[in-house]
Amino acid sequence: MTTALLTPAPLAMSTPESVGLDPDRLSILDSLIERHISDNRYPGAQYAVARHGRLARVATFGDARITPDAIVANDETLWLMFSQTKVIVTAALWQLVESGELRFADKISDHVPEFEANGKGDITLFQVITHQGGFPNAEVPEEAWEDHDLLRKTVSDFTLEWTPGSRVHYHGTAAHWVAAVLIEAVTGSDFRDYVRENLLRPIGLADEIFVGVSEEADDRCADIHSIEEDESVPDGGRIVRSSRNTRAWRAAGVPGAGGYGTARGIASFYQMLLNGGVLNGTRVLSPRAIQYATRNHTGDRVDENMGMPMHRGIGPHVRGFTPTIRGLGTIASPSTFGHGGAGTSYSWGDPESGVSFTYLSNCMSPEPWHSVRLDKVSNIVHASIVQD
């Protein structure tokens, strides 16, 4: 395990005790992650806990890359965020709503007229971002990652699978490709540039979170891996390098699944959300926008992809009061909000305590092991909150 920061952290470093967290509880988390790596569940991991505008703990474990040679991870390593990217991109939409450029009630076709094709003319931004748009399985081809005229045509040609608003069903990447096209239509900027220059750079996170990794930062990226079935290996699988480890994938900044970040950077971003839109003295969002976006907008309706209520906000989802929830931790306070990444990670912020937490790993783990370990990981951190 490494804990030393190679460059200044985006927030002041503190200690768990000084912000009312139990260091012994966090040591349990260290041991759990070390056991996961020893058991060959993933090559490496990183987590960060922050509270009251300070980083209480940053810890990095294992390897960022394992082939052709092992490269040890450090606190500057960038990890694939997968769907954690959704919260970053939708926060840019919140900014556009604040400035009067958009409304959540706007139809996508109000700003992208050709989106009305195939019966999509009445779909609202609210429906798209709360996973009620009706096109969960729509895909964008790799050739559209950099050709954004083709991207706009591709999302406009999406076809409906069911009536918009009639279901809650997780849209893995499709909804946020629409969001990216909408940002570009409204601002005239590449959505990656807009997110970086208007959301991340002002609060000092442009080198910690990337929606589209720069060439200069590419070497910092951990490889992402998956589990390949192998009966000769305990638990029936072995870790293999994923096909996503390309310069094209990292540069694309796939808005629903392709961002990269450090744990300290993402935990700091959630500190900004918990602090009413301010980080390091700079405001990028208003308290009212954050309160609205982190509200449960889908009640206890079951997300048909997840098989349980997910209490969808506009970007993140919320713990709520149901018996189960993915990733946020069973014992989380009801207002805790956040998002995860496919088989790898989770981040959340707890408005009641002011704690934010990010956990990242670099192998897509199968279910049910993935969800079980996330519940354990988050519960350990919630249990470490021992002082108001």
Protein backbone atom coordinates (compact mmCIF):
# COMPACT_ATOMS: atom_id res chain seq x y z
CA MET A 1 0.00 0.00 0.00
CA THR A 2 1.20 3.51 -0.79
CA THR A 3 -0.11 6.66 0.87
CA ALA A 4 2.38 9.40 -0.06
CA LEU A 5 1.13 12.10 -2.43
CA LEU A 6 3.57 12.82 -5.26
CA THR A 7 2.04 16.21 -6.07
CA PRO A 8 -0.13 18.53 -4.01
CA ALA A 9 -3.60 17.14 -3.39
CA PRO A 10 -6.63 19.12 -4.61
CA LEU A 11 -7.69 19.58 -0.98
CA ALA A 12 -5.68 20.04 2.19
CA MET A 13 -4.59 16.77 3.77
CA SER A 14 -5.75 16.00 7.28
CA THR A 15 -6.17 12.87 9.40
CA PRO A 16 -9.24 10.72 10.03
CA GLU A 17 -9.25 11.63 13.74
CA SER A 18 -9.22 15.38 13.07
CA VAL A 19 -12.44 15.18 11.04
CA GLY A 20 -14.29 12.77 13.31
CA LEU A 21 -13.54 9.48 11.54
CA ASP A 22 -12.35 6.31 13.24
CA PRO A 23 -8.94 5.31 11.77
CA ASP A 24 -9.33 1.75 13.02
CA ARG A 25 -12.45 1.32 10.89
CA LEU A 26 -10.55 2.57 7.84
CA SER A 27 -7.77 0.09 8.64
CA ILE A 28 -10.39 -2.64 8.24
CA LEU A 29 -10.98 -1.31 4.72
CA ASP A 30 -7.24 -1.42 4.01
CA SER A 31 -7.14 -5.07 5.07
CA LEU A 32 -10.18 -5.93 2.96
CA ILE A 33 -8.65 -4.39 -0.18
CA GLU A 34 -5.31 -6.10 0.46
CA ARG A 35 -7.16 -9.41 0.77
CA HIS A 36 -8.99 -8.78 -2.51
CA ILE A 37 -5.66 -8.22 -4.29
CA SER A 38 -4.12 -11.27 -2.61
CA ASP A 39 -7.11 -13.33 -3.76
CA ASN A 40 -6.52 -12.09 -7.33
CA ARG A 41 -9.82 -10.20 -7.53
CA TYR A 42 -8.17 -7.14 -9.10
CA PRO A 43 -4.59 -5.93 -9.68
CA GLY A 44 -4.91 -2.58 -7.92
CA ALA A 45 -7.20 -0.18 -6.10
CA GLN A 46 -7.35 3.26 -4.56
CA TYR A 47 -9.65 5.07 -2.20
CA ALA A 48 -10.05 8.52 -0.69
CA VAL A 49 -12.18 9.81 2.17
CA ALA A 50 -12.83 13.52 2.67
CA ARG A 51 -14.82 15.61 5.12
CA HIS A 52 -15.38 19.31 5.76
CA GLY A 53 -13.19 20.33 2.82
CA ARG A 54 -10.20 18.18 3.80
CA LEU A 55 -8.87 14.85 2.62
CA ALA A 56 -8.79 12.53 5.61
CA ARG A 57 -7.16 9.57 3.90
CA VAL A 58 -5.84 8.61 0.46
CA ALA A 59 -4.55 5.06 -0.03
CA THR A 60 -3.34 3.20 -3.11
CA PHE A 61 -2.79 -0.54 -3.45
CA GLY A 62 -1.30 -2.97 -5.95
CA ASP A 63 -0.57 -2.50 -9.63
CA ALA A 64 -1.91 -0.08 -12.22
CA ARG A 65 -0.78 -2.34 -15.08
CA ILE A 66 0.28 -5.98 -15.13
CA THR A 67 1.44 -6.52 -18.73
CA PRO A 68 3.94 -6.56 -20.27
CA ASP A 69 5.52 -5.57 -16.96
CA ALA A 70 3.88 -4.73 -13.66
CA ILE A 71 3.63 -1.01 -12.89
CA VAL A 72 2.87 -0.14 -9.28
CA ALA A 73 -0.07 2.24 -8.79
CA ASN A 74 0.44 5.53 -6.95
CA ASP A 75 -1.79 8.34 -5.76
CA GLU A 76 -1.58 10.09 -9.16
CA THR A 77 -2.75 7.02 -11.08
CA LEU A 78 -5.88 7.66 -13.15
CA TRP A 79 -8.52 4.93 -12.98
CA LEU A 80 -11.32 4.27 -15.45
CA MET A 81 -14.45 5.67 -13.83
CA PHE A 82 -16.90 3.89 -16.11
CA SER A 83 -20.40 5.17 -15.19
CA GLN A 84 -19.12 7.44 -12.44
CA THR A 85 -18.49 9.71 -15.45
CA LYS A 86 -22.24 10.29 -15.67
CA VAL A 87 -22.26 12.53 -12.59
CA ILE A 88 -19.45 14.71 -13.96
CA VAL A 89 -21.14 15.21 -17.34
CA THR A 90 -24.60 15.85 -15.91
CA ALA A 91 -23.12 18.45 -13.54
CA ALA A 92 -22.25 20.41 -16.69
CA LEU A 93 -25.93 20.24 -17.62
CA TRP A 94 -26.81 21.61 -14.19
CA GLN A 95 -24.58 24.59 -14.94
CA LEU A 96 -26.41 25.22 -18.21
CA VAL A 97 -29.75 25.09 -16.40
CA GLU A 98 -28.48 27.61 -13.85
CA SER A 99 -27.40 29.98 -16.60
CA GLY A 100 -30.76 29.78 -18.35
CA GLU A 101 -29.40 28.00 -21.42
CA LEU A 102 -31.44 24.87 -20.67
CA ARG A 103 -34.36 23.64 -18.61
CA PHE A 104 -34.74 20.09 -17.39
CA ALA A 105 -38.24 20.22 -18.93
CA ASP A 106 -36.85 21.11 -22.36
CA LYS A 107 -37.32 18.63 -25.15
CA ILE A 108 -34.03 17.45 -26.61
CA SER A 109 -35.49 18.38 -30.02
CA ASP A 110 -35.84 22.02 -28.87
CA HIS A 111 -32.04 22.23 -29.22
CA VAL A 112 -31.28 19.33 -31.57
CA PRO A 113 -34.25 19.41 -34.00
CA GLU A 114 -33.29 16.24 -35.85
CA PHE A 115 -33.56 14.27 -32.59
CA GLU A 116 -37.32 14.17 -33.16
CA ALA A 117 -36.78 11.35 -35.68
CA ASN A 118 -38.31 7.95 -34.89
CA GLY A 119 -40.91 9.34 -32.50
CA LYS A 120 -38.49 11.02 -30.10
CA GLY A 121 -39.72 14.60 -30.51
CA ASP A 122 -41.32 14.90 -27.07
CA ILE A 123 -38.54 13.32 -24.99
CA THR A 124 -37.32 15.73 -22.31
CA LEU A 125 -33.91 16.22 -20.79
CA PHE A 126 -35.40 15.13 -17.47
CA GLN A 127 -36.54 11.82 -18.95
CA VAL A 128 -33.21 11.15 -20.61
CA ILE A 129 -31.07 11.81 -17.53
CA THR A 130 -33.33 9.90 -15.12
CA HIS A 131 -33.10 6.79 -17.32
CA GLN A 132 -36.65 7.04 -18.64
CA GLY A 133 -35.81 7.98 -22.24
CA GLY A 134 -36.85 4.71 -23.84
CA PHE A 135 -33.64 3.77 -25.72
CA PRO A 136 -31.43 1.98 -23.14
CA ASN A 137 -29.63 -0.25 -25.63
CA ALA A 138 -28.83 2.34 -28.31
CA GLU A 139 -25.16 2.41 -29.26
CA VAL A 140 -22.65 4.88 -30.68
CA PRO A 141 -19.93 3.42 -32.95
CA GLU A 142 -16.27 4.11 -32.34
CA GLU A 143 -15.99 6.18 -35.52
CA ALA A 144 -18.31 8.76 -33.91
CA TRP A 145 -16.11 9.24 -30.85
CA GLU A 146 -14.14 11.99 -32.63
CA ASP A 147 -16.48 12.80 -35.52
CA HIS A 148 -19.09 14.78 -33.61
CA ASP A 149 -21.17 15.55 -36.68
CA LEU A 150 -21.58 11.79 -37.02
CA LEU A 151 -22.23 11.60 -33.28
CA ARG A 152 -25.11 14.06 -33.56
CA LYS A 153 -26.58 12.12 -36.49
CA THR A 154 -26.17 8.82 -34.63
CA VAL A 155 -28.03 9.89 -31.49
CA SER A 156 -30.71 11.58 -33.58
CA ASP A 157 -31.29 8.26 -35.30
CA PHE A 158 -31.75 6.32 -32.04
CA THR A 159 -34.97 4.28 -32.06
CA LEU A 160 -37.34 3.75 -29.15
CA GLU A 161 -37.68 0.44 -27.33
CA TRP A 162 -40.62 1.59 -25.19
CA THR A 163 -42.66 4.70 -24.50
CA PRO A 164 -40.54 7.44 -22.87
CA GLY A 165 -41.45 7.96 -19.22
CA SER A 166 -43.24 4.63 -18.89
CA ARG A 167 -40.30 2.77 -17.34
CA VAL A 168 -37.14 3.35 -15.36
CA HIS A 169 -34.41 1.34 -17.06
CA TYR A 170 -30.71 2.15 -16.79
CA HIS A 171 -29.27 3.57 -20.03
CA GLY A 172 -25.65 2.41 -19.90
CA THR A 173 -24.18 4.91 -22.37
CA ALA A 174 -26.98 6.05 -24.69
CA ALA A 175 -28.52 8.76 -22.49
CA HIS A 176 -25.25 10.53 -21.85
CA TRP A 177 -24.24 10.51 -25.49
CA VAL A 178 -27.46 12.50 -25.96
CA ALA A 179 -26.37 14.76 -23.09
CA ALA A 180 -23.01 15.32 -24.80
CA VAL A 181 -24.68 16.27 -28.08
CA LEU A 182 -27.00 18.62 -26.20
CA ILE A 183 -24.07 20.35 -24.45
CA GLU A 184 -22.41 20.85 -27.82
CA ALA A 185 -25.59 22.16 -29.43
CA VAL A 186 -26.14 24.72 -26.66
CA THR A 187 -22.55 25.85 -26.10
CA GLY A 188 -20.90 25.39 -29.50
CA SER A 189 -18.02 23.64 -27.71
CA ASP A 190 -16.84 20.05 -27.69
CA PHE A 191 -18.51 18.59 -24.59
CA ARG A 192 -15.11 17.46 -23.26
CA ASP A 193 -13.74 20.99 -23.49
CA TYR A 194 -16.83 22.43 -21.83
CA VAL A 195 -16.63 20.02 -18.89
CA ARG A 196 -12.92 20.64 -18.40
CA GLU A 197 -12.91 24.43 -18.73
CA ASN A 198 -16.20 25.31 -17.03
CA LEU A 199 -16.55 22.66 -14.36
CA LEU A 200 -13.23 21.02 -13.48
CA ARG A 201 -10.49 23.59 -14.10
CA PRO A 202 -12.03 26.40 -12.01
CA ILE A 203 -12.00 24.18 -8.90
CA GLY A 204 -8.52 22.75 -9.48
CA LEU A 205 -9.54 19.30 -10.70
CA ALA A 206 -8.53 19.46 -14.38
CA ASP A 207 -5.49 17.25 -13.67
CA GLU A 208 -7.44 14.89 -11.39
CA ILE A 209 -10.57 14.09 -13.44
CA PHE A 210 -10.60 13.68 -17.23
CA VAL A 211 -13.54 13.36 -19.59
CA GLY A 212 -11.18 12.74 -22.48
CA VAL A 213 -7.64 12.02 -21.27
CA SER A 214 -4.95 14.34 -22.63
CA GLU A 215 -1.87 12.88 -24.32
CA GLU A 216 0.24 14.23 -21.48
CA ALA A 217 -1.77 12.33 -18.88
CA ASP A 218 -2.15 9.08 -20.82
CA ASP A 219 0.78 7.36 -19.08
CA ARG A 220 -0.93 7.91 -15.73
CA CYS A 221 -3.88 5.69 -16.69
CA ALA A 222 -4.26 2.31 -15.09
CA ASP A 223 -5.19 -0.49 -17.42
CA ILE A 224 -8.67 -1.90 -17.03
CA HIS A 225 -9.08 -5.66 -16.83
CA SER A 226 -11.83 -8.27 -16.87
CA ILE A 227 -12.34 -11.79 -15.60
CA GLU A 228 -11.96 -14.58 -18.14
CA GLU A 229 -13.47 -17.93 -17.25
CA ASP A 230 -10.82 -20.54 -16.42
CA GLU A 231 -11.73 -23.65 -14.45
CA SER A 232 -8.11 -24.15 -13.42
CA VAL A 233 -8.16 -20.90 -11.43
CA PRO A 234 -9.86 -20.59 -8.00
CA ASP A 235 -13.38 -19.16 -8.37
CA GLY A 236 -13.26 -20.05 -12.06
CA GLY A 237 -11.59 -17.00 -13.59
CA ARG A 238 -8.36 -15.16 -14.26
CA ILE A 239 -7.58 -11.49 -14.76
CA VAL A 240 -7.00 -10.45 -18.37
CA ARG A 241 -6.31 -7.06 -19.96
CA SER A 242 -9.42 -5.47 -21.49
CA SER A 243 -9.67 -4.26 -25.08
CA ARG A 244 -10.50 -0.77 -23.76
CA ASN A 245 -6.86 0.08 -23.04
CA THR A 246 -6.35 2.19 -26.15
CA ARG A 247 -5.47 5.81 -26.74
CA ALA A 248 -8.71 6.21 -28.71
CA TRP A 249 -10.86 5.02 -25.79
CA ARG A 250 -9.12 7.23 -23.27
CA ALA A 251 -9.27 10.30 -25.48
CA ALA A 252 -12.93 9.80 -26.41
CA GLY A 253 -14.26 10.63 -22.94
CA VAL A 254 -17.33 8.47 -23.50
CA PRO A 255 -19.75 10.60 -21.44
CA GLY A 256 -21.55 7.75 -19.72
CA ALA A 257 -18.62 5.41 -19.20
CA GLY A 258 -15.19 6.70 -20.25
CA GLY A 259 -13.87 9.25 -17.77
CA TYR A 260 -10.69 8.73 -15.75
CA GLY A 261 -9.86 10.09 -12.33
CA THR A 262 -7.96 9.80 -9.09
CA ALA A 263 -9.77 8.87 -5.92
CA ARG A 264 -8.63 12.10 -4.26
CA GLY A 265 -9.97 14.11 -7.21
CA ILE A 266 -13.37 12.45 -7.33
CA ALA A 267 -13.80 12.60 -3.55
CA SER A 268 -12.93 16.32 -3.80
CA PHE A 269 -15.56 16.78 -6.52
CA TYR A 270 -18.15 15.31 -4.17
CA GLN A 271 -16.91 17.66 -1.44
CA MET A 272 -17.78 20.49 -3.82
CA LEU A 273 -21.29 19.09 -4.17
CA LEU A 274 -21.65 18.74 -0.39
CA ASN A 275 -20.40 22.31 0.05
CA GLY A 276 -23.12 23.84 -2.11
CA GLY A 277 -21.06 24.09 -5.30
CA VAL A 278 -17.85 25.61 -3.90
CA LEU A 279 -14.37 24.08 -3.80
CA ASN A 280 -11.16 25.88 -2.90
CA GLY A 281 -13.06 29.17 -2.73
CA THR A 282 -14.49 28.92 -6.25
CA ARG A 283 -18.17 28.39 -7.00
CA VAL A 284 -19.17 26.35 -10.06
CA LEU A 285 -22.73 25.37 -9.03
CA SER A 286 -25.50 26.74 -6.87
CA PRO A 287 -26.87 24.99 -3.78
CA ARG A 288 -30.38 24.88 -5.25
CA ALA A 289 -29.24 23.10 -8.43
CA ILE A 290 -27.39 20.49 -6.41
CA GLN A 291 -30.33 19.96 -4.08
CA TYR A 292 -32.65 19.42 -7.03
CA ALA A 293 -30.28 17.13 -8.93
CA THR A 294 -29.58 14.92 -5.90
CA ARG A 295 -33.26 14.46 -5.05
CA ASN A 296 -35.03 11.12 -5.58
CA HIS A 297 -37.04 11.76 -8.76
CA THR A 298 -38.18 8.19 -9.44
CA GLY A 299 -39.45 7.22 -5.99
CA ASP A 300 -39.49 3.50 -5.34
CA ARG A 301 -40.12 2.56 -8.97
CA VAL A 302 -37.99 -0.46 -9.84
CA ASP A 303 -35.15 0.11 -12.28
CA GLU A 304 -35.81 -2.79 -14.64
CA ASN A 305 -32.12 -3.22 -15.41
CA MET A 306 -31.05 -3.29 -11.75
CA GLY A 307 -34.03 -5.21 -10.41
CA MET A 308 -34.53 -2.81 -7.50
CA PRO A 309 -35.49 0.82 -6.87
CA MET A 310 -32.49 3.06 -7.61
CA HIS A 311 -34.01 6.40 -6.56
CA ARG A 312 -32.70 8.21 -9.62
CA GLY A 313 -31.59 11.79 -9.32
CA ILE A 314 -30.40 13.87 -12.27
CA GLY A 315 -27.01 12.23 -12.56
CA PRO A 316 -26.46 10.44 -9.25
CA HIS A 317 -28.87 8.19 -7.42
CA VAL A 318 -29.94 8.37 -3.78
CA ARG A 319 -29.94 5.88 -0.90
CA GLY A 320 -33.55 6.40 0.16
CA PHE A 321 -35.35 4.01 2.50
CA THR A 322 -35.61 0.75 0.55
CA PRO A 323 -33.97 -2.36 2.05
CA THR A 324 -31.32 -2.59 -0.67
CA ILE A 325 -29.39 -0.22 -2.89
CA ARG A 326 -26.39 -0.69 -5.14
CA GLY A 327 -23.06 0.62 -3.98
CA LEU A 328 -23.98 3.40 -1.57
CA GLY A 329 -23.99 1.10 1.46
CA THR A 330 -26.97 -0.35 3.26
CA ILE A 331 -26.34 1.73 6.39
CA ALA A 332 -25.90 5.02 4.51
CA SER A 333 -28.04 7.96 5.53
CA PRO A 334 -31.14 8.27 3.29
CA SER A 335 -29.84 11.40 1.55
CA THR A 336 -26.49 9.89 0.53
CA PHE A 337 -26.03 10.18 -3.23
CA GLY A 338 -23.50 8.89 -5.73
CA HIS A 339 -22.79 6.56 -8.62
CA GLY A 340 -20.74 3.51 -9.52
CA GLY A 341 -18.72 2.18 -12.39
CA ALA A 342 -19.17 -1.18 -14.14
CA GLY A 343 -17.87 -3.91 -11.88
CA THR A 344 -15.16 -1.67 -10.45
CA SER A 345 -15.98 1.34 -8.33
CA TYR A 346 -18.26 3.72 -6.43
CA SER A 347 -18.29 7.28 -5.15
CA TRP A 348 -20.74 8.98 -2.83
CA GLY A 349 -21.40 12.06 -0.75
CA ASP A 350 -23.37 12.12 2.50
CA PRO A 351 -25.05 15.49 3.16
CA GLU A 352 -25.82 14.54 6.77
CA SER A 353 -22.18 13.99 7.76
CA GLY A 354 -20.28 15.93 5.08
CA VAL A 355 -18.26 12.82 4.20
CA SER A 356 -17.39 11.95 0.61
CA PHE A 357 -15.81 8.70 -0.45
CA THR A 358 -14.34 7.24 -3.63
CA TYR A 359 -13.27 3.64 -4.20
CA LEU A 360 -11.68 2.58 -7.50
CA SER A 361 -10.32 -0.70 -8.81
CA ASN A 362 -9.08 -1.86 -12.19
CA CYS A 363 -10.89 -5.10 -12.94
CA MET A 364 -14.53 -5.54 -13.91
CA SER A 365 -15.72 -8.03 -11.31
CA PRO A 366 -18.72 -10.29 -11.88
CA GLU A 367 -21.97 -10.31 -9.95
CA PRO A 368 -22.91 -11.04 -7.25
CA TRP A 369 -19.38 -10.61 -5.87
CA HIS A 370 -19.11 -7.04 -7.13
CA SER A 371 -22.24 -5.70 -5.43
CA VAL A 372 -21.53 -7.60 -2.21
CA ARG A 373 -18.02 -6.13 -1.90
CA LEU A 374 -19.25 -2.61 -2.64
CA ASP A 375 -21.81 -2.89 0.16
CA LYS A 376 -19.07 -4.02 2.54
CA VAL A 377 -16.66 -1.29 1.43
CA SER A 378 -19.17 1.53 1.79
CA ASN A 379 -20.57 0.23 5.07
CA ILE A 380 -17.09 0.22 6.59
CA VAL A 381 -16.67 3.90 5.69
CA HIS A 382 -20.12 4.87 6.97
CA ALA A 383 -19.31 3.07 10.22
CA SER A 384 -16.12 5.14 10.54
CA ILE A 385 -18.20 8.33 10.98
CA VAL A 386 -18.17 8.56 14.76
CA GLN A 387 -18.38 12.31 15.40
CA ASP A 388 -20.67 15.02 14.04
